[in-house]
PDB file of all heavy atoms in Angstrom:
ATOM      1  N   GLY A   1       7.932   4.022 -15.271  1.00  0.00           N
ATOM      2  CA  GLY A   1       9.320   3.608 -15.204  1.00  0.00           C
ATOM      3  C   GLY A   1      10.037   3.786 -16.524  1.00  0.00           C
ATOM      4  O   GLY A   1       9.413   3.851 -17.591  1.00  0.00           O
ATOM      5  N   TRP A   2      11.360   3.877 -16.436  1.00  0.00           N
ATOM      6  CA  TRP A   2      12.246   3.846 -17.600  1.00  0.00           C
ATOM      7  C   TRP A   2      13.143   2.618 -17.483  1.00  0.00           C
ATOM      8  O   TRP A   2      13.708   2.345 -16.411  1.00  0.00           O
ATOM      9  CB  TRP A   2      13.118   5.098 -17.692  1.00  0.00           C
ATOM     10  CG  TRP A   2      12.396   6.329 -18.150  1.00  0.00           C
ATOM     11  CD1 TRP A   2      11.877   7.313 -17.378  1.00  0.00           C
ATOM     12  CD2 TRP A   2      12.140   6.706 -19.505  1.00  0.00           C
ATOM     13  NE1 TRP A   2      11.303   8.285 -18.155  1.00  0.00           N
ATOM     14  CE2 TRP A   2      11.451   7.939 -19.474  1.00  0.00           C
ATOM     15  CE3 TRP A   2      12.424   6.134 -20.749  1.00  0.00           C
ATOM     16  CZ2 TRP A   2      11.046   8.600 -20.629  1.00  0.00           C
ATOM     17  CZ3 TRP A   2      12.011   6.793 -21.891  1.00  0.00           C
ATOM     18  CH2 TRP A   2      11.332   8.009 -21.824  1.00  0.00           C
ATOM     19  N   PHE A   3      13.279   1.894 -18.595  1.00  0.00           N
ATOM     20  CA  PHE A   3      14.144   0.727 -18.696  1.00  0.00           C
ATOM     21  C   PHE A   3      15.023   0.884 -19.926  1.00  0.00           C
ATOM     22  O   PHE A   3      14.733   1.691 -20.811  1.00  0.00           O
ATOM     23  CB  PHE A   3      13.316  -0.561 -18.797  1.00  0.00           C
ATOM     24  CG  PHE A   3      12.527  -0.877 -17.564  1.00  0.00           C
ATOM     25  CD1 PHE A   3      11.335  -0.227 -17.293  1.00  0.00           C
ATOM     26  CD2 PHE A   3      12.975  -1.836 -16.667  1.00  0.00           C
ATOM     27  CE1 PHE A   3      10.603  -0.510 -16.156  1.00  0.00           C
ATOM     28  CE2 PHE A   3      12.251  -2.138 -15.520  1.00  0.00           C
ATOM     29  CZ  PHE A   3      11.069  -1.476 -15.265  1.00  0.00           C
ATOM     30  N   ARG A   4      16.095   0.096 -19.987  1.00  0.00           N
ATOM     31  CA  ARG A   4      16.940   0.113 -21.171  1.00  0.00           C
ATOM     32  C   ARG A   4      17.407  -1.297 -21.490  1.00  0.00           C
ATOM     33  O   ARG A   4      17.480  -2.162 -20.619  1.00  0.00           O
ATOM     34  CB  ARG A   4      18.137   1.047 -20.989  1.00  0.00           C
ATOM     35  CG  ARG A   4      19.125   0.619 -19.912  1.00  0.00           C
ATOM     36  CD  ARG A   4      20.142   1.721 -19.666  1.00  0.00           C
ATOM     37  NE  ARG A   4      21.150   1.323 -18.696  1.00  0.00           N
ATOM     38  CZ  ARG A   4      22.065   2.131 -18.192  1.00  0.00           C
ATOM     39  NH1 ARG A   4      22.114   3.415 -18.579  1.00  0.00           N
ATOM     40  NH2 ARG A   4      22.950   1.677 -17.308  1.00  0.00           N
ATOM     41  N   GLN A   5      17.732  -1.512 -22.764  1.00  0.00           N
ATOM     42  CA  GLN A   5      18.204  -2.812 -23.210  1.00  0.00           C
ATOM     43  C   GLN A   5      19.290  -2.624 -24.260  1.00  0.00           C
ATOM     44  O   GLN A   5      19.045  -2.040 -25.314  1.00  0.00           O
ATOM     45  CB  GLN A   5      17.064  -3.657 -23.768  1.00  0.00           C
ATOM     46  CG  GLN A   5      17.446  -5.092 -24.044  1.00  0.00           C
ATOM     47  CD  GLN A   5      16.236  -5.979 -24.237  1.00  0.00           C
ATOM     48  OE1 GLN A   5      15.155  -5.514 -24.591  1.00  0.00           O
ATOM     49  NE2 GLN A   5      16.411  -7.269 -24.008  1.00  0.00           N
ATOM     50  N   ALA A   6      20.485  -3.110 -23.947  1.00  0.00           N
ATOM     51  CA  ALA A   6      21.602  -3.099 -24.871  1.00  0.00           C
ATOM     52  C   ALA A   6      21.660  -4.434 -25.598  1.00  0.00           C
ATOM     53  O   ALA A   6      21.137  -5.442 -25.110  1.00  0.00           O
ATOM     54  CB  ALA A   6      22.904  -2.844 -24.122  1.00  0.00           C
ATOM     55  N   PRO A   7      22.297  -4.493 -26.777  1.00  0.00           N
ATOM     56  CA  PRO A   7      22.388  -5.753 -27.518  1.00  0.00           C
ATOM     57  C   PRO A   7      22.989  -6.874 -26.678  1.00  0.00           C
ATOM     58  O   PRO A   7      24.028  -6.690 -26.037  1.00  0.00           O
ATOM     59  CB  PRO A   7      23.296  -5.404 -28.696  1.00  0.00           C
ATOM     60  CG  PRO A   7      23.083  -3.938 -28.897  1.00  0.00           C
ATOM     61  CD  PRO A   7      22.914  -3.377 -27.514  1.00  0.00           C
ATOM     62  N   GLY A   8      22.326  -8.029 -26.656  1.00  0.00           N
ATOM     63  CA  GLY A   8      22.800  -9.177 -25.906  1.00  0.00           C
ATOM     64  C   GLY A   8      22.587  -9.103 -24.413  1.00  0.00           C
ATOM     65  O   GLY A   8      23.049  -9.999 -23.696  1.00  0.00           O
ATOM     66  N   LYS A   9      21.907  -8.075 -23.924  1.00  0.00           N
ATOM     67  CA  LYS A   9      21.692  -7.889 -22.497  1.00  0.00           C
ATOM     68  C   LYS A   9      20.213  -8.012 -22.146  1.00  0.00           C
ATOM     69  O   LYS A   9      19.340  -7.853 -22.999  1.00  0.00           O
ATOM     70  CB  LYS A   9      22.195  -6.518 -22.049  1.00  0.00           C
ATOM     71  CG  LYS A   9      23.655  -6.238 -22.350  1.00  0.00           C
ATOM     72  CD  LYS A   9      24.582  -7.044 -21.473  1.00  0.00           C
ATOM     73  CE  LYS A   9      26.026  -6.621 -21.678  1.00  0.00           C
ATOM     74  NZ  LYS A   9      26.949  -7.386 -20.806  1.00  0.00           N
ATOM     75  N   GLU A  10      19.936  -8.298 -20.874  1.00  0.00           N
ATOM     76  CA  GLU A  10      18.571  -8.291 -20.377  1.00  0.00           C
ATOM     77  C   GLU A  10      18.072  -6.855 -20.244  1.00  0.00           C
ATOM     78  O   GLU A  10      18.859  -5.922 -20.080  1.00  0.00           O
ATOM     79  CB  GLU A  10      18.499  -8.981 -19.017  1.00  0.00           C
ATOM     80  CG  GLU A  10      18.846 -10.453 -19.025  1.00  0.00           C
ATOM     81  CD  GLU A  10      17.811 -11.281 -19.740  1.00  0.00           C
ATOM     82  OE1 GLU A  10      16.599 -10.962 -19.626  1.00  0.00           O
ATOM     83  OE2 GLU A  10      18.179 -12.241 -20.419  1.00  0.00           O
ATOM     84  N   ARG A  11      16.760  -6.695 -20.307  1.00  0.00           N
ATOM     85  CA  ARG A  11      16.179  -5.387 -20.070  1.00  0.00           C
ATOM     86  C   ARG A  11      16.457  -4.977 -18.618  1.00  0.00           C
ATOM     87  O   ARG A  11      16.241  -5.758 -17.688  1.00  0.00           O
ATOM     88  CB  ARG A  11      14.680  -5.396 -20.352  1.00  0.00           C
ATOM     89  CG  ARG A  11      14.048  -4.014 -20.312  1.00  0.00           C
ATOM     90  CD  ARG A  11      12.689  -3.999 -20.999  1.00  0.00           C
ATOM     91  NE  ARG A  11      12.813  -4.274 -22.430  1.00  0.00           N
ATOM     92  CZ  ARG A  11      11.820  -4.173 -23.297  1.00  0.00           C
ATOM     93  NH1 ARG A  11      10.610  -3.783 -22.888  1.00  0.00           N
ATOM     94  NH2 ARG A  11      12.020  -4.455 -24.571  1.00  0.00           N
ATOM     95  N   GLU A  12      16.916  -3.744 -18.429  1.00  0.00           N
ATOM     96  CA  GLU A  12      17.447  -3.277 -17.164  1.00  0.00           C
ATOM     97  C   GLU A  12      16.654  -2.080 -16.651  1.00  0.00           C
ATOM     98  O   GLU A  12      16.397  -1.127 -17.391  1.00  0.00           O
ATOM     99  CB  GLU A  12      18.922  -2.890 -17.349  1.00  0.00           C
ATOM    100  CG  GLU A  12      19.618  -2.334 -16.128  1.00  0.00           C
ATOM    101  CD  GLU A  12      21.046  -1.933 -16.434  1.00  0.00           C
ATOM    102  OE1 GLU A  12      21.280  -1.273 -17.468  1.00  0.00           O
ATOM    103  OE2 GLU A  12      21.944  -2.300 -15.640  1.00  0.00           O
ATOM    104  N   PHE A  13      16.293  -2.110 -15.376  1.00  0.00           N
ATOM    105  CA  PHE A  13      15.644  -0.981 -14.727  1.00  0.00           C
ATOM    106  C   PHE A  13      16.574   0.216 -14.683  1.00  0.00           C
ATOM    107  O   PHE A  13      17.760   0.076 -14.379  1.00  0.00           O
ATOM    108  CB  PHE A  13      15.235  -1.371 -13.302  1.00  0.00           C
ATOM    109  CG  PHE A  13      14.814  -0.208 -12.454  1.00  0.00           C
ATOM    110  CD1 PHE A  13      13.546   0.335 -12.575  1.00  0.00           C
ATOM    111  CD2 PHE A  13      15.684   0.346 -11.533  1.00  0.00           C
ATOM    112  CE1 PHE A  13      13.149   1.408 -11.795  1.00  0.00           C
ATOM    113  CE2 PHE A  13      15.306   1.413 -10.745  1.00  0.00           C
ATOM    114  CZ  PHE A  13      14.034   1.950 -10.882  1.00  0.00           C
ATOM    115  N   VAL A  14      16.041   1.403 -14.965  1.00  0.00           N
ATOM    116  CA  VAL A  14      16.811   2.640 -14.910  1.00  0.00           C
ATOM    117  C   VAL A  14      16.268   3.581 -13.837  1.00  0.00           C
ATOM    118  O   VAL A  14      17.022   4.066 -12.988  1.00  0.00           O
ATOM    119  CB  VAL A  14      16.824   3.358 -16.271  1.00  0.00           C
ATOM    120  CG1 VAL A  14      17.560   4.692 -16.165  1.00  0.00           C
ATOM    121  CG2 VAL A  14      17.465   2.475 -17.331  1.00  0.00           C
ATOM    122  N   ALA A  15      14.965   3.866 -13.866  1.00  0.00           N
ATOM    123  CA  ALA A  15      14.366   4.805 -12.923  1.00  0.00           C
ATOM    124  C   ALA A  15      12.864   4.590 -12.882  1.00  0.00           C
ATOM    125  O   ALA A  15      12.269   4.098 -13.838  1.00  0.00           O
ATOM    126  CB  ALA A  15      14.677   6.252 -13.315  1.00  0.00           C
ATOM    127  N   ALA A  16      12.229   4.974 -11.772  1.00  0.00           N
ATOM    128  CA  ALA A  16      10.778   4.883 -11.647  1.00  0.00           C
ATOM    129  C   ALA A  16      10.273   6.004 -10.756  1.00  0.00           C
ATOM    130  O   ALA A  16      11.016   6.520  -9.915  1.00  0.00           O
ATOM    131  CB  ALA A  16      10.357   3.527 -11.085  1.00  0.00           C
ATOM    132  N   ILE A  17       8.994   6.350 -10.937  1.00  0.00           N
ATOM    133  CA  ILE A  17       8.387   7.457 -10.206  1.00  0.00           C
ATOM    134  C   ILE A  17       6.935   7.123  -9.908  1.00  0.00           C
ATOM    135  O   ILE A  17       6.232   6.547 -10.737  1.00  0.00           O
ATOM    136  CB  ILE A  17       8.531   8.769 -11.012  1.00  0.00           C
ATOM    137  CG1 ILE A  17       8.070   9.985 -10.207  1.00  0.00           C
ATOM    138  CG2 ILE A  17       7.780   8.668 -12.345  1.00  0.00           C
ATOM    139  CD1 ILE A  17       8.470  11.311 -10.858  1.00  0.00           C
ATOM    140  N   GLY A  18       6.472   7.473  -8.708  1.00  0.00           N
ATOM    141  CA  GLY A  18       5.097   7.218  -8.303  1.00  0.00           C
ATOM    142  C   GLY A  18       4.111   8.133  -8.992  1.00  0.00           C
ATOM    143  O   GLY A  18       4.480   9.105  -9.664  1.00  0.00           O
ATOM    144  N   TRP A  19       2.834   7.846  -8.793  1.00  0.00           N
ATOM    145  CA  TRP A  19       1.780   8.562  -9.519  1.00  0.00           C
ATOM    146  C   TRP A  19       1.747  10.057  -9.225  1.00  0.00           C
ATOM    147  O   TRP A  19       1.349  10.852 -10.081  1.00  0.00           O
ATOM    148  CB  TRP A  19       0.413   7.935  -9.230  1.00  0.00           C
ATOM    149  CG  TRP A  19      -0.034   8.058  -7.794  1.00  0.00           C
ATOM    150  CD1 TRP A  19       0.172   7.169  -6.789  1.00  0.00           C
ATOM    151  CD2 TRP A  19      -0.766   9.146  -7.220  1.00  0.00           C
ATOM    152  NE1 TRP A  19      -0.385   7.629  -5.621  1.00  0.00           N
ATOM    153  CE2 TRP A  19      -0.973   8.846  -5.856  1.00  0.00           C
ATOM    154  CE3 TRP A  19      -1.277  10.346  -7.727  1.00  0.00           C
ATOM    155  CZ2 TRP A  19      -1.655   9.696  -4.989  1.00  0.00           C
ATOM    156  CZ3 TRP A  19      -1.955  11.204  -6.863  1.00  0.00           C
ATOM    157  CH2 TRP A  19      -2.144  10.866  -5.513  1.00  0.00           C
ATOM    158  N   SER A  20       2.156  10.468  -8.011  1.00  0.00           N
ATOM    159  CA  SER A  20       2.113  11.871  -7.620  1.00  0.00           C
ATOM    160  C   SER A  20       3.458  12.577  -7.801  1.00  0.00           C
ATOM    161  O   SER A  20       3.569  13.761  -7.490  1.00  0.00           O
ATOM    162  CB  SER A  20       1.661  12.004  -6.170  1.00  0.00           C
ATOM    163  OG  SER A  20       2.615  11.434  -5.283  1.00  0.00           O
ATOM    164  N   GLY A  21       4.472  11.859  -8.280  1.00  0.00           N
ATOM    165  CA  GLY A  21       5.795  12.429  -8.446  1.00  0.00           C
ATOM    166  C   GLY A  21       6.754  12.114  -7.318  1.00  0.00           C
ATOM    167  O   GLY A  21       7.916  12.541  -7.361  1.00  0.00           O
ATOM    168  N   GLY A  22       6.292  11.375  -6.302  1.00  0.00           N
ATOM    169  CA  GLY A  22       7.154  10.942  -5.226  1.00  0.00           C
ATOM    170  C   GLY A  22       7.628   9.515  -5.448  1.00  0.00           C
ATOM    171  O   GLY A  22       7.483   8.945  -6.530  1.00  0.00           O
ATOM    172  N   ASN A  23       8.208   8.920  -4.410  1.00  0.00           N
ATOM    173  CA  ASN A  23       8.701   7.539  -4.461  1.00  0.00           C
ATOM    174  C   ASN A  23       9.554   7.299  -5.699  1.00  0.00           C
ATOM    175  O   ASN A  23       9.238   6.463  -6.548  1.00  0.00           O
ATOM    176  CB  ASN A  23       7.539   6.552  -4.399  1.00  0.00           C
ATOM    177  CG  ASN A  23       6.792   6.622  -3.087  1.00  0.00           C
ATOM    178  OD1 ASN A  23       7.394   6.643  -2.018  1.00  0.00           O
ATOM    179  ND2 ASN A  23       5.466   6.659  -3.161  1.00  0.00           N
ATOM    180  N   ILE A  24      10.644   8.026  -5.810  1.00  0.00           N
ATOM    181  CA  ILE A  24      11.543   7.956  -6.953  1.00  0.00           C
ATOM    182  C   ILE A  24      12.691   7.000  -6.656  1.00  0.00           C
ATOM    183  O   ILE A  24      13.318   7.077  -5.597  1.00  0.00           O
ATOM    184  CB  ILE A  24      12.077   9.355  -7.300  1.00  0.00           C
ATOM    185  CG1 ILE A  24      10.934  10.240  -7.801  1.00  0.00           C
ATOM    186  CG2 ILE A  24      13.182   9.262  -8.333  1.00  0.00           C
ATOM    187  CD1 ILE A  24      11.319  11.685  -8.029  1.00  0.00           C
ATOM    188  N   TYR A  25      12.978   6.107  -7.611  1.00  0.00           N
ATOM    189  CA  TYR A  25      14.054   5.122  -7.474  1.00  0.00           C
ATOM    190  C   TYR A  25      14.939   5.172  -8.712  1.00  0.00           C
ATOM    191  O   TYR A  25      14.466   5.416  -9.823  1.00  0.00           O
ATOM    192  CB  TYR A  25      13.493   3.704  -7.319  1.00  0.00           C
ATOM    193  CG  TYR A  25      12.461   3.542  -6.233  1.00  0.00           C
ATOM    194  CD1 TYR A  25      11.220   2.980  -6.509  1.00  0.00           C
ATOM    195  CD2 TYR A  25      12.725   3.937  -4.929  1.00  0.00           C
ATOM    196  CE1 TYR A  25      10.269   2.828  -5.517  1.00  0.00           C
ATOM    197  CE2 TYR A  25      11.775   3.794  -3.933  1.00  0.00           C
ATOM    198  CZ  TYR A  25      10.550   3.236  -4.229  1.00  0.00           C
ATOM    199  OH  TYR A  25       9.599   3.084  -3.241  1.00  0.00           O
ATOM    200  N   TYR A  26      16.251   4.904  -8.524  1.00  0.00           N
ATOM    201  CA  TYR A  26      17.208   4.901  -9.619  1.00  0.00           C
ATOM    202  C   TYR A  26      18.116   3.678  -9.550  1.00  0.00           C
ATOM    203  O   TYR A  26      18.461   3.195  -8.465  1.00  0.00           O
ATOM    204  CB  TYR A  26      18.115   6.130  -9.582  1.00  0.00           C
ATOM    205  CG  TYR A  26      17.429   7.447  -9.825  1.00  0.00           C
ATOM    206  CD1 TYR A  26      17.143   8.302  -8.775  1.00  0.00           C
ATOM    207  CD2 TYR A  26      17.092   7.852 -11.113  1.00  0.00           C
ATOM    208  CE1 TYR A  26      16.527   9.529  -8.984  1.00  0.00           C
ATOM    209  CE2 TYR A  26      16.474   9.075 -11.331  1.00  0.00           C
ATOM    210  CZ  TYR A  26      16.196   9.908 -10.268  1.00  0.00           C
ATOM    211  OH  TYR A  26      15.587  11.126 -10.490  1.00  0.00           O
ATOM    212  N   LEU A  27      18.529   3.218 -10.726  1.00  0.00           N
ATOM    213  CA  LEU A  27      19.642   2.289 -10.817  1.00  0.00           C
ATOM    214  C   LEU A  27      20.882   2.957 -10.222  1.00  0.00           C
ATOM    215  O   LEU A  27      21.144   4.134 -10.478  1.00  0.00           O
ATOM    216  CB  LEU A  27      19.878   1.932 -12.283  1.00  0.00           C
ATOM    217  CG  LEU A  27      21.058   1.055 -12.647  1.00  0.00           C
ATOM    218  CD1 LEU A  27      20.863  -0.362 -12.109  1.00  0.00           C
ATOM    219  CD2 LEU A  27      21.242   1.046 -14.162  1.00  0.00           C
ATOM    220  N   ASP A  28      21.663   2.219  -9.422  1.00  0.00           N
ATOM    221  CA  ASP A  28      22.813   2.808  -8.739  1.00  0.00           C
ATOM    222  C   ASP A  28      23.765   3.522  -9.693  1.00  0.00           C
ATOM    223  O   ASP A  28      24.280   4.600  -9.371  1.00  0.00           O
ATOM    224  CB  ASP A  28      23.581   1.735  -7.964  1.00  0.00           C
ATOM    225  CG  ASP A  28      22.901   1.329  -6.673  1.00  0.00           C
ATOM    226  OD1 ASP A  28      21.977   2.039  -6.228  1.00  0.00           O
ATOM    227  OD2 ASP A  28      23.299   0.298  -6.108  1.00  0.00           O
ATOM    228  N   SER A  29      24.007   2.967 -10.862  1.00  0.00           N
ATOM    229  CA  SER A  29      24.996   3.520 -11.773  1.00  0.00           C
ATOM    230  C   SER A  29      24.556   4.826 -12.440  1.00  0.00           C
ATOM    231  O   SER A  29      25.377   5.494 -13.058  1.00  0.00           O
ATOM    232  CB  SER A  29      25.379   2.500 -12.841  1.00  0.00           C
ATOM    233  OG  SER A  29      24.275   2.178 -13.663  1.00  0.00           O
ATOM    234  N   VAL A  30      23.278   5.204 -12.313  1.00  0.00           N
ATOM    235  CA  VAL A  30      22.816   6.461 -12.905  1.00  0.00           C
ATOM    236  C   VAL A  30      22.502   7.520 -11.857  1.00  0.00           C
ATOM    237  O   VAL A  30      22.199   8.666 -12.225  1.00  0.00           O
ATOM    238  CB  VAL A  30      21.596   6.261 -13.835  1.00  0.00           C
ATOM    239  CG1 VAL A  30      21.864   5.153 -14.845  1.00  0.00           C
ATOM    240  CG2 VAL A  30      20.323   5.984 -13.042  1.00  0.00           C
ATOM    241  N   LYS A  31      22.582   7.192 -10.578  1.00  0.00           N
ATOM    242  CA  LYS A  31      22.308   8.166  -9.524  1.00  0.00           C
ATOM    243  C   LYS A  31      23.267   9.346  -9.621  1.00  0.00           C
ATOM    244  O   LYS A  31      24.467   9.169  -9.798  1.00  0.00           O
ATOM    245  CB  LYS A  31      22.428   7.515  -8.143  1.00  0.00           C
ATOM    246  CG  LYS A  31      21.305   6.569  -7.812  1.00  0.00           C
ATOM    247  CD  LYS A  31      21.490   5.947  -6.434  1.00  0.00           C
ATOM    248  CE  LYS A  31      20.363   4.994  -6.101  1.00  0.00           C
ATOM    249  NZ  LYS A  31      20.584   4.311  -4.800  1.00  0.00           N
ATOM    250  N   GLY A  32      22.714  10.547  -9.528  1.00  0.00           N
ATOM    251  CA  GLY A  32      23.507  11.755  -9.652  1.00  0.00           C
ATOM    252  C   GLY A  32      23.685  12.227 -11.071  1.00  0.00           C
ATOM    253  O   GLY A  32      24.163  13.354 -11.290  1.00  0.00           O
ATOM    254  N   ARG A  33      23.325  11.390 -12.054  1.00  0.00           N
ATOM    255  CA  ARG A  33      23.460  11.753 -13.463  1.00  0.00           C
ATOM    256  C   ARG A  33      22.097  11.865 -14.163  1.00  0.00           C
ATOM    257  O   ARG A  33      21.918  12.731 -15.017  1.00  0.00           O
ATOM    258  CB  ARG A  33      24.307  10.728 -14.209  1.00  0.00           C
ATOM    259  CG  ARG A  33      25.735  10.608 -13.680  1.00  0.00           C
ATOM    260  CD  ARG A  33      26.602   9.755 -14.604  1.00  0.00           C
ATOM    261  NE  ARG A  33      26.115   8.376 -14.703  1.00  0.00           N
ATOM    262  CZ  ARG A  33      25.729   7.794 -15.840  1.00  0.00           C
ATOM    263  NH1 ARG A  33      25.777   8.467 -16.984  1.00  0.00           N
ATOM    264  NH2 ARG A  33      25.321   6.529 -15.835  1.00  0.00           N
ATOM    265  N   PHE A  34      21.155  10.981 -13.814  1.00  0.00           N
ATOM    266  CA  PHE A  34      19.833  10.953 -14.444  1.00  0.00           C
ATOM    267  C   PHE A  34      18.778  11.476 -13.472  1.00  0.00           C
ATOM    268  O   PHE A  34      18.884  11.271 -12.258  1.00  0.00           O
ATOM    269  CB  PHE A  34      19.441   9.527 -14.839  1.00  0.00           C
ATOM    270  CG  PHE A  34      20.236   8.918 -15.966  1.00  0.00           C
ATOM    271  CD1 PHE A  34      21.384   9.505 -16.461  1.00  0.00           C
ATOM    272  CD2 PHE A  34      19.806   7.720 -16.527  1.00  0.00           C
ATOM    273  CE1 PHE A  34      22.103   8.927 -17.495  1.00  0.00           C
ATOM    274  CE2 PHE A  34      20.519   7.129 -17.559  1.00  0.00           C
ATOM    275  CZ  PHE A  34      21.665   7.726 -18.049  1.00  0.00           C
ATOM    276  N   THR A  35      17.745  12.115 -14.019  1.00  0.00           N
ATOM    277  CA  THR A  35      16.624  12.602 -13.221  1.00  0.00           C
ATOM    278  C   THR A  35      15.317  12.233 -13.911  1.00  0.00           C
ATOM    279  O   THR A  35      15.110  12.579 -15.077  1.00  0.00           O
ATOM    280  CB  THR A  35      16.681  14.124 -13.033  1.00  0.00           C
ATOM    281  OG1 THR A  35      17.914  14.492 -12.409  1.00  0.00           O
ATOM    282  CG2 THR A  35      15.523  14.595 -12.149  1.00  0.00           C
ATOM    283  N   ILE A  36      14.440  11.530 -13.199  1.00  0.00           N
ATOM    284  CA  ILE A  36      13.114  11.211 -13.711  1.00  0.00           C
ATOM    285  C   ILE A  36      12.117  12.225 -13.149  1.00  0.00           C
ATOM    286  O   ILE A  36      12.221  12.639 -11.989  1.00  0.00           O
ATOM    287  CB  ILE A  36      12.696   9.767 -13.364  1.00  0.00           C
ATOM    288  CG1 ILE A  36      11.391   9.389 -14.074  1.00  0.00           C
ATOM    289  CG2 ILE A  36      12.579   9.555 -11.862  1.00  0.00           C
ATOM    290  CD1 ILE A  36      11.025   7.905 -13.956  1.00  0.00           C
ATOM    291  N   SER A  37      11.165  12.643 -13.973  1.00  0.00           N
ATOM    292  CA  SER A  37      10.128  13.562 -13.536  1.00  0.00           C
ATOM    293  C   SER A  37       8.866  13.304 -14.353  1.00  0.00           C
ATOM    294  O   SER A  37       8.904  12.589 -15.354  1.00  0.00           O
ATOM    295  CB  SER A  37      10.579  15.019 -13.675  1.00  0.00           C
ATOM    296  OG  SER A  37      10.852  15.337 -15.032  1.00  0.00           O
ATOM    297  N   ARG A  38       7.749  13.883 -13.922  1.00  0.00           N
ATOM    298  CA  ARG A  38       6.506  13.723 -14.674  1.00  0.00           C
ATOM    299  C   ARG A  38       5.679  14.984 -14.592  1.00  0.00           C
ATOM    300  O   ARG A  38       5.759  15.747 -13.621  1.00  0.00           O
ATOM    301  CB  ARG A  38       5.704  12.514 -14.180  1.00  0.00           C
ATOM    302  CG  ARG A  38       5.150  12.644 -12.764  1.00  0.00           C
ATOM    303  CD  ARG A  38       4.615  11.304 -12.261  1.00  0.00           C
ATOM    304  NE  ARG A  38       3.456  10.862 -13.016  1.00  0.00           N
ATOM    305  CZ  ARG A  38       2.996   9.603 -13.040  1.00  0.00           C
ATOM    306  NH1 ARG A  38       3.627   8.659 -12.337  1.00  0.00           N
ATOM    307  NH2 ARG A  38       1.925   9.287 -13.754  1.00  0.00           N
ATOM    308  N   ASP A  39       4.869  15.203 -15.611  1.00  0.00           N
ATOM    309  CA  ASP A  39       3.926  16.305 -15.671  1.00  0.00           C
ATOM    310  C   ASP A  39       2.574  15.691 -15.985  1.00  0.00           C
ATOM    311  O   ASP A  39       2.276  15.380 -17.139  1.00  0.00           O
ATOM    312  CB  ASP A  39       4.337  17.325 -16.729  1.00  0.00           C
ATOM    313  CG  ASP A  39       3.468  18.563 -16.723  1.00  0.00           C
ATOM    314  OD1 ASP A  39       2.340  18.520 -16.185  1.00  0.00           O
ATOM    315  OD2 ASP A  39       3.911  19.589 -17.263  1.00  0.00           O
ATOM    316  N   ASN A  40       1.751  15.494 -14.952  1.00  0.00           N
ATOM    317  CA  ASN A  40       0.472  14.821 -15.144  1.00  0.00           C
ATOM    318  C   ASN A  40      -0.498  15.635 -15.994  1.00  0.00           C
ATOM    319  O   ASN A  40      -1.356  15.061 -16.669  1.00  0.00           O
ATOM    320  CB  ASN A  40      -0.161  14.487 -13.793  1.00  0.00           C
ATOM    321  CG  ASN A  40       0.543  13.344 -13.090  1.00  0.00           C
ATOM    322  OD1 ASN A  40       1.345  12.631 -13.683  1.00  0.00           O
ATOM    323  ND2 ASN A  40       0.251  13.163 -11.807  1.00  0.00           N
TER     324      ASN A  40
END
């Protein structure tokens, strides 16, 4: 997973990916702009 934390804010989920590269999830505000991927 990828998370982010801005000053004064809680740590926030951004994106996650399953072990095989499937089951990908995104924070709504980054959909269409961010892409998570992995190279095992």
